[in-house]
Amino acid sequence: LKALVNAAVRRGCERMVLEVRIDNSAALTLYRQAGFMPEAWLTEYYADGCSAWRMSRALTTSLPDLDHQA
């Protein structure tokens, strides 16, 4: 995740967006630690009916080392 965010910053991207299953607590924790914020609830987003959060992060700075990796 750090490499992706930092590469996007170097390329001049302004924002990164992702979707994550609501039952993936490890990923949700990692993304929140990385500065991603929920911006939209996606009902029944996945084929199995699981919902998701769309999360985003401004890319004004590179991502520091994270304490926990998923």
Protein backbone atom coordinates (compact mmCIF):
# COMPACT_ATOMS: atom_id res chain seq x y z
CA LEU A 1 0.00 0.00 0.00
CA LYS A 2 2.82 2.37 0.88
CA ALA A 3 4.53 1.77 -2.47
CA LEU A 4 1.29 2.38 -4.38
CA VAL A 5 0.48 5.60 -2.53
CA ASN A 6 4.02 6.92 -2.85
CA ALA A 7 4.15 6.06 -6.57
CA ALA A 8 0.86 7.92 -7.12
CA VAL A 9 2.22 10.95 -5.24
CA ARG A 10 5.37 10.94 -7.42
CA ARG A 11 3.18 10.82 -10.55
CA GLY A 12 1.24 13.87 -9.41
CA CYS A 13 -2.04 12.13 -8.57
CA GLU A 14 -4.22 14.10 -6.20
CA ARG A 15 -6.48 11.40 -4.78
CA MET A 16 -6.64 7.62 -4.38
CA VAL A 17 -9.93 5.71 -4.14
CA LEU A 18 -10.56 2.09 -3.18
CA GLU A 19 -13.40 -0.23 -2.26
CA VAL A 20 -13.21 -2.64 0.66
CA ARG A 21 -15.57 -5.31 1.97
CA ILE A 22 -17.25 -4.40 5.24
CA ASP A 23 -16.24 -7.76 6.72
CA ASN A 24 -12.51 -7.26 5.99
CA SER A 25 -11.55 -5.71 9.32
CA ALA A 26 -7.79 -6.07 8.77
CA ALA A 27 -7.95 -4.12 5.50
CA LEU A 28 -10.27 -1.49 6.99
CA THR A 29 -7.81 -0.94 9.84
CA LEU A 30 -4.84 -0.71 7.46
CA TYR A 31 -6.60 1.76 5.17
CA ARG A 32 -7.71 3.96 8.07
CA GLN A 33 -4.14 3.96 9.44
CA ALA A 34 -3.00 5.05 5.98
CA GLY A 35 -5.36 8.03 6.03
CA PHE A 36 -8.20 6.66 3.91
CA MET A 37 -11.65 7.84 4.97
CA PRO A 38 -15.02 6.21 4.16
CA GLU A 39 -16.92 8.30 1.63
CA ALA A 40 -19.71 6.05 0.35
CA TRP A 41 -21.58 2.93 1.44
CA LEU A 42 -21.96 0.43 -1.42
CA THR A 43 -24.90 -1.88 -0.73
CA GLU A 44 -24.46 -5.45 -1.99
CA TYR A 45 -21.34 -4.39 -3.90
CA TYR A 46 -19.84 -7.87 -4.21
CA ALA A 47 -21.30 -10.86 -6.06
CA ASP A 48 -21.99 -12.67 -2.78
CA GLY A 49 -24.12 -9.75 -1.56
CA CYS A 50 -21.55 -8.29 0.84
CA SER A 51 -21.55 -4.52 1.06
CA ALA A 52 -18.45 -2.34 0.87
CA TRP A 53 -17.06 1.03 1.78
CA ARG A 54 -15.63 3.30 -0.88
CA MET A 55 -12.70 5.04 0.79
CA SER A 56 -10.43 7.81 -0.41
CA ARG A 57 -7.29 9.67 0.58
CA ALA A 58 -5.84 12.95 -0.60
CA LEU A 59 -2.35 12.41 -2.00
CA THR A 60 -0.66 15.59 -0.87
CA THR A 61 2.03 13.63 0.98
CA SER A 62 3.71 10.24 0.81
CA LEU A 63 2.64 7.52 3.16
CA PRO A 64 4.79 6.93 6.23
CA ASP A 65 5.64 3.44 7.48
CA LEU A 66 2.58 1.65 8.79
CA ASP A 67 2.60 -0.20 12.11
CA HIS A 68 0.49 -3.13 10.81
CA GLN A 69 0.40 -4.65 7.35
CA ALA A 70 -2.61 -6.61 6.07
